[in-house]
């Protein structure tokens, strides 16, 4: 995130935000006290700086020019995945328990005021690197990621 600059920067990398367009009631289960207001629920990786995301785009056209004047076409995604995973395995001396070391999937784009897609677990640290806000949907990204870490859940005023 630190080396990315506008327009590539994504301040919400490794995070999912639910921000309903209506008031939410939060109840303290110990005291029974209720608080009503506009809240957003954040599920984010505790240490997103430990995630390496190698993003590919399935899109084409002028919209991708913001990333630079040239691109590399990858004809065989599986071969690229296998080569990266193999290099990581050789360098890191990881055990079989650390596998799958490299995860790859298309990005699921979401709206903060709508339910997440079926099958996506917003509290799972292996799913968060593959979620992005719908403002990035035109990029049609495909991520290769080294997901790790814990998820922090918080409720914030929106």
C-alpha atoms as a PDB file:
ATOM      1  CA  UNK A   1       0.000   0.000   0.000  1.00  0.00           C
ATOM      2  CA  UNK A   2       2.850   2.369   0.802  1.00  0.00           C
ATOM      3  CA  UNK A   3       4.483   2.135  -2.625  1.00  0.00           C
ATOM      4  CA  UNK A   4       1.213   2.485  -4.506  1.00  0.00           C
ATOM      5  CA  UNK A   5       0.286   5.997  -5.467  1.00  0.00           C
ATOM      6  CA  UNK A   6      -2.874   7.556  -6.775  1.00  0.00           C
ATOM      7  CA  UNK A   7      -4.731   6.287  -8.771  1.00  0.00           C
ATOM      8  CA  UNK A   8      -3.714   2.756  -7.714  1.00  0.00           C
ATOM      9  CA  UNK A   9      -3.881   3.249  -3.954  1.00  0.00           C
ATOM     10  CA  UNK A  10      -6.651   1.359  -2.158  1.00  0.00           C
ATOM     11  CA  UNK A  11      -6.972   2.490   1.459  1.00  0.00           C
ATOM     12  CA  UNK A  12      -9.343  -0.416   2.099  1.00  0.00           C
ATOM     13  CA  UNK A  13      -7.001  -3.244   1.025  1.00  0.00           C
ATOM     14  CA  UNK A  14      -7.583  -6.323   3.185  1.00  0.00           C
ATOM     15  CA  UNK A  15     -10.808  -4.916   4.612  1.00  0.00           C
ATOM     16  CA  UNK A  16     -14.558  -5.367   4.252  1.00  0.00           C
ATOM     17  CA  UNK A  17     -16.934  -2.615   5.392  1.00  0.00           C
ATOM     18  CA  UNK A  18     -20.681  -2.950   5.976  1.00  0.00           C
ATOM     19  CA  UNK A  19     -22.241   0.500   6.170  1.00  0.00           C
ATOM     20  CA  UNK A  20     -26.054   0.263   6.009  1.00  0.00           C
ATOM     21  CA  UNK A  21     -27.984   3.257   4.666  1.00  0.00           C
ATOM     22  CA  UNK A  22     -30.136   3.305   7.797  1.00  0.00           C
ATOM     23  CA  UNK A  23     -29.838   3.520  11.568  1.00  0.00           C
ATOM     24  CA  UNK A  24     -28.543   0.447  13.354  1.00  0.00           C
ATOM     25  CA  UNK A  25     -29.412  -0.654  16.887  1.00  0.00           C
ATOM     26  CA  UNK A  26     -26.521  -2.042  18.913  1.00  0.00           C
ATOM     27  CA  UNK A  27     -27.368  -3.801  22.178  1.00  0.00           C
ATOM     28  CA  UNK A  28     -24.911  -4.382  25.005  1.00  0.00           C
ATOM     29  CA  UNK A  29     -25.747  -7.987  25.914  1.00  0.00           C
ATOM     30  CA  UNK A  30     -24.396  -7.525  29.443  1.00  0.00           C
ATOM     31  CA  UNK A  31     -26.297  -4.378  30.429  1.00  0.00           C
ATOM     32  CA  UNK A  32     -29.141  -4.394  27.908  1.00  0.00           C
ATOM     33  CA  UNK A  33     -28.309  -0.796  26.932  1.00  0.00           C
ATOM     34  CA  UNK A  34     -29.225   0.069  23.331  1.00  0.00           C
ATOM     35  CA  UNK A  35     -27.502   2.575  21.109  1.00  0.00           C
ATOM     36  CA  UNK A  36     -29.104   3.686  17.831  1.00  0.00           C
ATOM     37  CA  UNK A  37     -27.187   5.423  15.060  1.00  0.00           C
ATOM     38  CA  UNK A  38     -25.336   5.192  11.786  1.00  0.00           C
ATOM     39  CA  UNK A  39     -22.607   2.605  12.266  1.00  0.00           C
ATOM     40  CA  UNK A  40     -20.235   0.775   9.962  1.00  0.00           C
ATOM     41  CA  UNK A  41     -18.892  -2.704  10.675  1.00  0.00           C
ATOM     42  CA  UNK A  42     -15.248  -3.196   9.729  1.00  0.00           C
ATOM     43  CA  UNK A  43     -13.546  -6.561   9.292  1.00  0.00           C
ATOM     44  CA  UNK A  44      -9.908  -5.998   8.494  1.00  0.00           C
ATOM     45  CA  UNK A  45      -6.657  -7.855   8.652  1.00  0.00           C
ATOM     46  CA  UNK A  46      -4.710  -7.029  11.792  1.00  0.00           C
ATOM     47  CA  UNK A  47      -1.459  -6.677   9.824  1.00  0.00           C
ATOM     48  CA  UNK A  48      -2.320  -6.000   6.161  1.00  0.00           C
ATOM     49  CA  UNK A  49       1.283  -5.026   5.481  1.00  0.00           C
ATOM     50  CA  UNK A  50       2.153  -8.737   5.711  1.00  0.00           C
ATOM     51  CA  UNK A  51       0.010  -9.537   2.681  1.00  0.00           C
ATOM     52  CA  UNK A  52       1.570  -9.481  -0.726  1.00  0.00           C
ATOM     53  CA  UNK A  53      -0.981  -9.041  -3.459  1.00  0.00           C
ATOM     54  CA  UNK A  54       0.009  -9.478  -7.062  1.00  0.00           C
ATOM     55  CA  UNK A  55      -2.928  -8.102  -8.996  1.00  0.00           C
ATOM     56  CA  UNK A  56      -3.732  -8.984 -12.532  1.00  0.00           C
ATOM     57  CA  UNK A  57      -6.525  -7.440 -14.543  1.00  0.00           C
ATOM     58  CA  UNK A  58      -8.974  -9.290 -16.724  1.00  0.00           C
ATOM     59  CA  UNK A  59     -10.086  -5.978 -18.250  1.00  0.00           C
ATOM     60  CA  UNK A  60      -8.824  -4.288 -21.376  1.00  0.00           C
ATOM     61  CA  UNK A  61      -9.113  -0.872 -22.912  1.00  0.00           C
ATOM     62  CA  UNK A  62      -8.342   2.747 -22.114  1.00  0.00           C
ATOM     63  CA  UNK A  63      -9.415   2.426 -18.463  1.00  0.00           C
ATOM     64  CA  UNK A  64      -6.235   0.513 -17.677  1.00  0.00           C
ATOM     65  CA  UNK A  65      -3.947   3.305 -18.869  1.00  0.00           C
ATOM     66  CA  UNK A  66      -3.874   4.700 -15.342  1.00  0.00           C
ATOM     67  CA  UNK A  67      -1.519   1.818 -14.479  1.00  0.00           C
ATOM     68  CA  UNK A  68       1.048   2.836 -17.077  1.00  0.00           C
ATOM     69  CA  UNK A  69       1.779   2.765 -20.770  1.00  0.00           C
ATOM     70  CA  UNK A  70       2.547  -0.944 -21.111  1.00  0.00           C
ATOM     71  CA  UNK A  71       1.260  -4.270 -19.891  1.00  0.00           C
ATOM     72  CA  UNK A  72       2.246  -7.918 -19.929  1.00  0.00           C
ATOM     73  CA  UNK A  73      -0.211 -10.462 -21.243  1.00  0.00           C
ATOM     74  CA  UNK A  74      -0.230 -13.685 -19.258  1.00  0.00           C
ATOM     75  CA  UNK A  75      -1.526 -16.517 -21.367  1.00  0.00           C
ATOM     76  CA  UNK A  76      -1.355 -19.225 -18.682  1.00  0.00           C
ATOM     77  CA  UNK A  77      -2.390 -18.057 -15.191  1.00  0.00           C
ATOM     78  CA  UNK A  78      -1.837 -21.522 -13.698  1.00  0.00           C
ATOM     79  CA  UNK A  79       1.764 -21.634 -14.915  1.00  0.00           C
ATOM     80  CA  UNK A  80       2.400 -18.191 -13.387  1.00  0.00           C
ATOM     81  CA  UNK A  81       0.795 -19.318 -10.112  1.00  0.00           C
ATOM     82  CA  UNK A  82       2.890 -22.517 -10.029  1.00  0.00           C
ATOM     83  CA  UNK A  83       6.137 -20.652 -10.714  1.00  0.00           C
ATOM     84  CA  UNK A  84       5.495 -18.068  -7.970  1.00  0.00           C
ATOM     85  CA  UNK A  85       4.388 -20.731  -5.456  1.00  0.00           C
ATOM     86  CA  UNK A  86       7.449 -22.863  -6.267  1.00  0.00           C
ATOM     87  CA  UNK A  87       9.825 -19.946  -5.792  1.00  0.00           C
ATOM     88  CA  UNK A  88       8.197 -19.048  -2.468  1.00  0.00           C
ATOM     89  CA  UNK A  89       8.424 -22.637  -1.275  1.00  0.00           C
ATOM     90  CA  UNK A  90      12.115 -22.892  -2.169  1.00  0.00           C
ATOM     91  CA  UNK A  91      13.012 -19.607  -0.454  1.00  0.00           C
ATOM     92  CA  UNK A  92      10.903 -19.923   2.659  1.00  0.00           C
ATOM     93  CA  UNK A  93      11.449 -23.589   3.622  1.00  0.00           C
ATOM     94  CA  UNK A  94       7.787 -23.956   4.453  1.00  0.00           C
ATOM     95  CA  UNK A  95       6.221 -27.189   5.605  1.00  0.00           C
ATOM     96  CA  UNK A  96       3.223 -28.898   4.061  1.00  0.00           C
ATOM     97  CA  UNK A  97       1.103 -27.429   6.887  1.00  0.00           C
ATOM     98  CA  UNK A  98       1.679 -23.937   5.475  1.00  0.00           C
ATOM     99  CA  UNK A  99      -0.068 -24.829   2.224  1.00  0.00           C
ATOM    100  CA  UNK A 100      -1.742 -23.531   0.221  1.00  0.00           C
ATOM    101  CA  UNK A 101       0.956 -20.935   0.373  1.00  0.00           C
ATOM    102  CA  UNK A 102      -0.282 -18.868  -2.529  1.00  0.00           C
ATOM    103  CA  UNK A 103      -3.979 -18.212  -3.043  1.00  0.00           C
ATOM    104  CA  UNK A 104      -5.367 -16.973  -6.323  1.00  0.00           C
ATOM    105  CA  UNK A 105      -8.839 -15.861  -7.314  1.00  0.00           C
ATOM    106  CA  UNK A 106     -10.844 -13.151  -8.983  1.00  0.00           C
ATOM    107  CA  UNK A 107     -11.667 -10.126  -6.848  1.00  0.00           C
ATOM    108  CA  UNK A 108     -15.221  -9.930  -5.517  1.00  0.00           C
ATOM    109  CA  UNK A 109     -16.430  -6.345  -5.646  1.00  0.00           C
ATOM    110  CA  UNK A 110     -18.958  -5.243  -3.059  1.00  0.00           C
ATOM    111  CA  UNK A 111     -21.084  -2.273  -2.081  1.00  0.00           C
ATOM    112  CA  UNK A 112     -20.803  -1.152   1.525  1.00  0.00           C
ATOM    113  CA  UNK A 113     -24.594  -0.878   1.796  1.00  0.00           C
ATOM    114  CA  UNK A 114     -25.396  -4.340   0.391  1.00  0.00           C
ATOM    115  CA  UNK A 115     -24.905  -7.945   1.471  1.00  0.00           C
ATOM    116  CA  UNK A 116     -21.647  -9.593   0.450  1.00  0.00           C
ATOM    117  CA  UNK A 117     -21.708 -12.283  -2.241  1.00  0.00           C
ATOM    118  CA  UNK A 118     -22.738 -15.773  -1.203  1.00  0.00           C
ATOM    119  CA  UNK A 119     -19.832 -17.957  -0.124  1.00  0.00           C
ATOM    120  CA  UNK A 120     -17.653 -15.048   1.032  1.00  0.00           C
ATOM    121  CA  UNK A 121     -16.683 -15.062   4.715  1.00  0.00           C
ATOM    122  CA  UNK A 122     -15.796 -11.495   5.681  1.00  0.00           C
ATOM    123  CA  UNK A 123     -14.227 -12.708   8.931  1.00  0.00           C
ATOM    124  CA  UNK A 124     -11.857 -15.125   7.216  1.00  0.00           C
ATOM    125  CA  UNK A 125      -8.352 -13.691   6.681  1.00  0.00           C
ATOM    126  CA  UNK A 126      -7.948 -15.750   3.506  1.00  0.00           C
ATOM    127  CA  UNK A 127     -11.013 -14.104   1.916  1.00  0.00           C
ATOM    128  CA  UNK A 128     -10.270 -10.441   2.725  1.00  0.00           C
ATOM    129  CA  UNK A 129      -7.461  -9.956   0.156  1.00  0.00           C
ATOM    130  CA  UNK A 130      -9.993 -10.860  -2.556  1.00  0.00           C
ATOM    131  CA  UNK A 131     -12.581  -8.215  -1.655  1.00  0.00           C
ATOM    132  CA  UNK A 132     -12.679  -4.663  -2.967  1.00  0.00           C
ATOM    133  CA  UNK A 133     -15.211  -1.900  -3.030  1.00  0.00           C
ATOM    134  CA  UNK A 134     -17.293  -1.674  -6.184  1.00  0.00           C
ATOM    135  CA  UNK A 135     -15.581   1.581  -7.191  1.00  0.00           C
ATOM    136  CA  UNK A 136     -12.737  -0.619  -8.488  1.00  0.00           C
ATOM    137  CA  UNK A 137     -14.983  -3.065 -10.393  1.00  0.00           C
ATOM    138  CA  UNK A 138     -13.953  -1.824 -13.848  1.00  0.00           C
ATOM    139  CA  UNK A 139     -10.455  -3.163 -13.208  1.00  0.00           C
ATOM    140  CA  UNK A 140     -11.710  -6.793 -13.108  1.00  0.00           C
ATOM    141  CA  UNK A 141      -8.771  -7.854 -10.956  1.00  0.00           C
ATOM    142  CA  UNK A 142      -7.409 -11.301 -10.328  1.00  0.00           C
ATOM    143  CA  UNK A 143      -5.271 -11.536  -7.181  1.00  0.00           C
ATOM    144  CA  UNK A 144      -2.451 -13.769  -6.149  1.00  0.00           C
ATOM    145  CA  UNK A 145      -1.987 -13.343  -2.440  1.00  0.00           C
ATOM    146  CA  UNK A 146      -0.092 -14.632   0.566  1.00  0.00           C
ATOM    147  CA  UNK A 147      -2.906 -14.212   3.075  1.00  0.00           C
ATOM    148  CA  UNK A 148      -1.979 -14.423   6.718  1.00  0.00           C
ATOM    149  CA  UNK A 149      -2.900 -13.044  10.072  1.00  0.00           C
ATOM    150  CA  UNK A 150      -5.904 -12.401  12.210  1.00  0.00           C
ATOM    151  CA  UNK A 151      -9.000 -10.350  11.515  1.00  0.00           C
ATOM    152  CA  UNK A 152      -9.919  -7.367  13.668  1.00  0.00           C
ATOM    153  CA  UNK A 153     -13.638  -6.652  13.966  1.00  0.00           C
ATOM    154  CA  UNK A 154     -14.791  -3.171  14.915  1.00  0.00           C
ATOM    155  CA  UNK A 155     -17.888  -1.017  14.872  1.00  0.00           C
ATOM    156  CA  UNK A 156     -17.411   2.649  13.973  1.00  0.00           C
ATOM    157  CA  UNK A 157     -19.661   5.643  13.564  1.00  0.00           C
ATOM    158  CA  UNK A 158     -20.255   6.162   9.873  1.00  0.00           C
END
